[in-house]
C-alpha atoms as a PDB file:
ATOM      1  CA  MET A   1      -9.584  -3.213  10.216  1.00  0.00           C
ATOM      2  CA  SER A   2      -7.704  -4.192   7.110  1.00  0.00           C
ATOM      3  CA  PRO A   3      -8.494  -2.734   3.700  1.00  0.00           C
ATOM      4  CA  ASP A   4      -9.906  -6.151   2.715  1.00  0.00           C
ATOM      5  CA  HIS A   5     -12.383  -6.005   5.591  1.00  0.00           C
ATOM      6  CA  PRO A   6     -13.726  -2.474   6.011  1.00  0.00           C
ATOM      7  CA  SER A   7     -15.441  -1.506   9.226  1.00  0.00           C
ATOM      8  CA  PRO A   8     -19.126  -2.395   9.255  1.00  0.00           C
ATOM      9  CA  LYS A   9     -21.388   0.577   8.662  1.00  0.00           C
ATOM     10  CA  PRO A  10     -23.911   1.316  11.386  1.00  0.00           C
ATOM     11  CA  PRO A  11     -27.491   0.567  10.364  1.00  0.00           C
ATOM     12  CA  PRO A  12     -29.864   3.431   9.498  1.00  0.00           C
ATOM     13  CA  GLY A  13     -30.640   5.391  12.624  1.00  0.00           C
ATOM     14  CA  GLY A  14     -27.007   5.468  13.676  1.00  0.00           C
ATOM     15  CA  ARG A  15     -27.192   2.676  16.303  1.00  0.00           C
ATOM     16  CA  PRO A  16     -24.748  -0.158  15.796  1.00  0.00           C
ATOM     17  CA  ASP A  17     -26.115  -3.703  15.697  1.00  0.00           C
ATOM     18  CA  ARG A  18     -25.473  -5.168  19.163  1.00  0.00           C
ATOM     19  CA  ARG A  19     -26.034  -8.806  18.213  1.00  0.00           C
ATOM     20  CA  PRO A  20     -22.856 -10.871  17.963  1.00  0.00           C
ATOM     21  CA  SER A  21     -22.091 -11.931  14.399  1.00  0.00           C
ATOM     22  CA  ASN A  22     -21.067 -15.432  15.533  1.00  0.00           C
ATOM     23  CA  PRO A  23     -22.385 -17.466  18.471  1.00  0.00           C
ATOM     24  CA  PRO A  24     -19.937 -17.919  21.362  1.00  0.00           C
ATOM     25  CA  GLN A  25     -17.532 -20.796  20.780  1.00  0.00           C
ATOM     26  CA  SER A  26     -18.129 -22.276  24.236  1.00  0.00           C
ATOM     27  CA  GLU A  27     -21.756 -23.097  23.440  1.00  0.00           C
ATOM     28  CA  PRO A  28     -22.503 -25.316  20.416  1.00  0.00           C
ATOM     29  CA  ALA A  29     -25.299 -24.281  18.062  1.00  0.00           C
ATOM     30  CA  ARG A  30     -28.677 -25.628  19.186  1.00  0.00           C
ATOM     31  CA  GLU A  31     -30.014 -28.103  16.653  1.00  0.00           C
ATOM     32  CA  THR A  32     -33.667 -29.044  16.699  1.00  0.00           C
ATOM     33  CA  PRO A  33     -34.228 -32.793  16.192  1.00  0.00           C
ATOM     34  CA  ARG A  34     -36.177 -33.855  13.137  1.00  0.00           C
ATOM     35  CA  THR A  35     -39.488 -35.693  13.256  1.00  0.00           C
ATOM     36  CA  ILE A  36     -38.943 -39.199  11.915  1.00  0.00           C
ATOM     37  CA  THR A  37     -41.929 -40.710  10.106  1.00  0.00           C
ATOM     38  CA  LYS A  38     -42.965 -44.328   9.736  1.00  0.00           C
ATOM     39  CA  LYS A  39     -42.078 -44.034   6.044  1.00  0.00           C
ATOM     40  CA  GLU A  40     -38.494 -43.084   6.897  1.00  0.00           C
ATOM     41  CA  LEU A  41     -38.170 -45.907   9.430  1.00  0.00           C
ATOM     42  CA  VAL A  42     -39.519 -48.354   6.835  1.00  0.00           C
ATOM     43  CA  ALA A  43     -36.896 -47.179   4.319  1.00  0.00           C
ATOM     44  CA  ARG A  44     -34.065 -47.572   6.867  1.00  0.00           C
ATOM     45  CA  ILE A  45     -35.171 -51.035   7.964  1.00  0.00           C
ATOM     46  CA  ALA A  46     -35.708 -52.171   4.363  1.00  0.00           C
ATOM     47  CA  GLU A  47     -32.189 -51.100   3.472  1.00  0.00           C
ATOM     48  CA  ARG A  48     -30.640 -52.851   6.478  1.00  0.00           C
ATOM     49  CA  THR A  49     -32.622 -56.083   6.056  1.00  0.00           C
ATOM     50  CA  VAL A  50     -32.618 -56.274   2.251  1.00  0.00           C
ATOM     51  CA  GLN A  51     -36.412 -56.548   2.319  1.00  0.00           C
ATOM     52  CA  THR A  52     -38.759 -54.531   0.169  1.00  0.00           C
ATOM     53  CA  LYS A  53     -40.315 -51.418   1.668  1.00  0.00           C
ATOM     54  CA  VAL A  54     -43.764 -52.972   1.172  1.00  0.00           C
ATOM     55  CA  VAL A  55     -42.869 -56.033   3.265  1.00  0.00           C
ATOM     56  CA  VAL A  56     -41.254 -53.938   6.010  1.00  0.00           C
ATOM     57  CA  ARG A  57     -44.185 -51.485   6.039  1.00  0.00           C
ATOM     58  CA  ASP A  58     -46.676 -54.348   6.378  1.00  0.00           C
ATOM     59  CA  ILE A  59     -44.699 -55.967   9.220  1.00  0.00           C
ATOM     60  CA  LEU A  60     -44.301 -52.658  11.049  1.00  0.00           C
ATOM     61  CA  GLN A  61     -48.012 -51.912  10.663  1.00  0.00           C
ATOM     62  CA  MET A  62     -48.914 -55.395  11.959  1.00  0.00           C
ATOM     63  CA  PHE A  63     -46.649 -54.785  14.964  1.00  0.00           C
ATOM     64  CA  LEU A  64     -48.309 -51.444  15.725  1.00  0.00           C
ATOM     65  CA  ASP A  65     -51.782 -52.953  15.216  1.00  0.00           C
ATOM     66  CA  GLU A  66     -50.953 -55.735  17.691  1.00  0.00           C
ATOM     67  CA  ILE A  67     -49.822 -53.194  20.292  1.00  0.00           C
ATOM     68  CA  ILE A  68     -53.107 -51.318  19.899  1.00  0.00           C
ATOM     69  CA  ALA A  69     -55.151 -54.544  20.028  1.00  0.00           C
ATOM     70  CA  GLU A  70     -53.421 -55.783  23.199  1.00  0.00           C
ATOM     71  CA  LEU A  71     -53.820 -52.430  24.933  1.00  0.00           C
ATOM     72  CA  GLY A  72     -57.470 -52.432  23.849  1.00  0.00           C
ATOM     73  CA  ARG A  73     -57.856 -55.773  25.666  1.00  0.00           C
ATOM     74  CA  GLY A  74     -56.388 -54.183  28.788  1.00  0.00           C
ATOM     75  CA  ASN A  75     -53.098 -56.070  28.543  1.00  0.00           C
ATOM     76  CA  ARG A  76     -49.686 -54.761  29.498  1.00  0.00           C
ATOM     77  CA  LEU A  77     -46.864 -54.920  26.923  1.00  0.00           C
ATOM     78  CA  GLU A  78     -43.286 -55.157  28.116  1.00  0.00           C
ATOM     79  CA  PHE A  79     -40.324 -54.741  25.782  1.00  0.00           C
ATOM     80  CA  ARG A  80     -37.140 -55.318  27.795  1.00  0.00           C
ATOM     81  CA  GLU A  81     -34.697 -52.397  27.664  1.00  0.00           C
ATOM     82  CA  PHE A  82     -37.230 -50.333  25.656  1.00  0.00           C
ATOM     83  CA  GLY A  83     -40.201 -49.798  27.937  1.00  0.00           C
ATOM     84  CA  VAL A  84     -43.640 -50.854  29.124  1.00  0.00           C
ATOM     85  CA  PHE A  85     -47.049 -49.896  27.742  1.00  0.00           C
ATOM     86  CA  GLU A  86     -49.961 -50.286  30.133  1.00  0.00           C
ATOM     87  CA  ILE A  87     -53.494 -49.048  30.692  1.00  0.00           C
ATOM     88  CA  LYS A  88     -54.237 -46.820  33.667  1.00  0.00           C
ATOM     89  CA  GLU A  89     -57.662 -45.879  34.974  1.00  0.00           C
ATOM     90  CA  ARG A  90     -58.171 -42.168  35.567  1.00  0.00           C
ATOM     91  CA  ALA A  91     -60.843 -41.430  38.157  1.00  0.00           C
ATOM     92  CA  ALA A  92     -63.733 -39.091  37.449  1.00  0.00           C
ATOM     93  CA  ARG A  93     -63.044 -35.585  38.692  1.00  0.00           C
ATOM     94  CA  LYS A  94     -64.311 -32.044  38.804  1.00  0.00           C
ATOM     95  CA  ALA A  95     -62.598 -29.374  36.708  1.00  0.00           C
ATOM     96  CA  HIS A  96     -63.212 -25.763  35.752  1.00  0.00           C
ATOM     97  CA  ASN A  97     -63.762 -24.375  32.289  1.00  0.00           C
ATOM     98  CA  PRO A  98     -61.001 -21.733  32.127  1.00  0.00           C
ATOM     99  CA  ARG A  99     -63.068 -19.427  29.939  1.00  0.00           C
ATOM    100  CA  THR A 100     -66.290 -19.402  31.993  1.00  0.00           C
ATOM    101  CA  LEU A 101     -64.937 -20.743  35.314  1.00  0.00           C
ATOM    102  CA  GLU A 102     -67.943 -23.053  35.305  1.00  0.00           C
ATOM    103  CA  GLU A 103     -67.394 -26.344  37.145  1.00  0.00           C
ATOM    104  CA  VAL A 104     -67.601 -29.359  34.844  1.00  0.00           C
ATOM    105  CA  SER A 105     -67.505 -33.094  35.457  1.00  0.00           C
ATOM    106  CA  VAL A 106     -64.736 -35.013  33.731  1.00  0.00           C
ATOM    107  CA  PRO A 107     -65.697 -38.680  33.425  1.00  0.00           C
ATOM    108  CA  ALA A 108     -63.409 -41.556  34.350  1.00  0.00           C
ATOM    109  CA  LYS A 109     -61.342 -42.847  31.473  1.00  0.00           C
ATOM    110  CA  ARG A 110     -58.643 -45.295  30.519  1.00  0.00           C
ATOM    111  CA  VAL A 111     -55.336 -43.929  29.244  1.00  0.00           C
ATOM    112  CA  VAL A 112     -52.166 -45.494  27.851  1.00  0.00           C
ATOM    113  CA  LYS A 113     -49.119 -45.065  30.047  1.00  0.00           C
ATOM    114  CA  PHE A 114     -45.580 -45.645  28.774  1.00  0.00           C
ATOM    115  CA  ARG A 115     -42.760 -46.257  31.204  1.00  0.00           C
ATOM    116  CA  VAL A 116     -39.288 -45.851  29.697  1.00  0.00           C
ATOM    117  CA  GLY A 117     -36.895 -48.800  29.816  1.00  0.00           C
ATOM    118  CA  ARG A 118     -33.251 -48.727  30.861  1.00  0.00           C
ATOM    119  CA  LEU A 119     -31.670 -48.558  27.395  1.00  0.00           C
ATOM    120  CA  MET A 120     -33.951 -45.759  26.211  1.00  0.00           C
ATOM    121  CA  LYS A 121     -33.400 -43.839  29.449  1.00  0.00           C
ATOM    122  CA  GLU A 122     -29.635 -44.075  28.901  1.00  0.00           C
ATOM    123  CA  LYS A 123     -29.851 -42.958  25.257  1.00  0.00           C
ATOM    124  CA  VAL A 124     -32.147 -40.036  26.053  1.00  0.00           C
ATOM    125  CA  GLY A 125     -29.850 -39.160  28.949  1.00  0.00           C
ATOM    126  CA  ASP A 126     -27.018 -38.759  26.416  1.00  0.00           C
ATOM    127  CA  ILE A 127     -28.864 -35.851  24.749  1.00  0.00           C
ATOM    128  CA  PRO A 128     -27.041 -32.630  25.685  1.00  0.00           C
ATOM    129  CA  GLU A 129     -28.635 -30.441  28.347  1.00  0.00           C
ATOM    130  CA  GLY A 130     -30.609 -27.587  26.802  1.00  0.00           C
ATOM    131  CA  ALA A 131     -31.106 -29.261  23.409  1.00  0.00           C
ATOM    132  CA  ALA A 132     -34.541 -28.689  21.907  1.00  0.00           C
ATOM    133  CA  LEU A 133     -37.003 -31.470  21.194  1.00  0.00           C
ATOM    134  CA  ALA A 134     -38.648 -31.908  17.800  1.00  0.00           C
ATOM    135  CA  ASP A 135     -41.802 -30.269  19.182  1.00  0.00           C
ATOM    136  CA  GLY A 136     -39.759 -27.201  20.165  1.00  0.00           C
ATOM    137  CA  SER A 137     -39.908 -27.849  23.907  1.00  0.00           C
ATOM    138  CA  ASP A 138     -36.936 -28.641  26.097  1.00  0.00           C
ATOM    139  CA  ASP A 139     -38.702 -30.968  28.565  1.00  0.00           C
ATOM    140  CA  TYR A 140     -37.219 -34.472  28.501  1.00  0.00           C
ATOM    141  CA  ASP A 141     -38.904 -35.438  31.787  1.00  0.00           C
ATOM    142  CA  ASP A 142     -41.108 -38.479  31.211  1.00  0.00           C
ATOM    143  CA  ASP A 143     -41.958 -38.865  34.894  1.00  0.00           C
ATOM    144  CA  ASP A 144     -45.285 -37.029  34.802  1.00  0.00           C
ATOM    145  CA  ASP A 145     -46.783 -39.851  36.865  1.00  0.00           C
ATOM    146  CA  ASP A 146     -50.261 -39.379  38.260  1.00  0.00           C
ATOM    147  CA  ASP A 147     -50.022 -42.733  40.024  1.00  0.00           C
END
């Protein structure tokens, strides 16, 4: 080593640190995506549309309220290229309490199902393999169909 860069001293205990000081160049650093809030989306849309944040927030909230209302009526919502929201009926079933192993009845219920559209599938497919999601997982698979 040069006089400007003396050799690193081993840590107490005499064992050198075995971790590399820099990640390998072949693998880019793994960046965790941020969670984007409605407030941030409102600010972006307001800036792009030259509308006030209050107007954009109200419109966005009306849009979300309409989605909830239509799903509550049992209707299917289709947004081309984005995806489809629909209601699915889950049958009643028997399950086990993992703590007591007691058998319990799970009643039938209605759940919201979202099927990804073509454009979203393409954009999500562009995310590099092995990148982490905002929730810390690395599972991009949306095909958890019970159908």
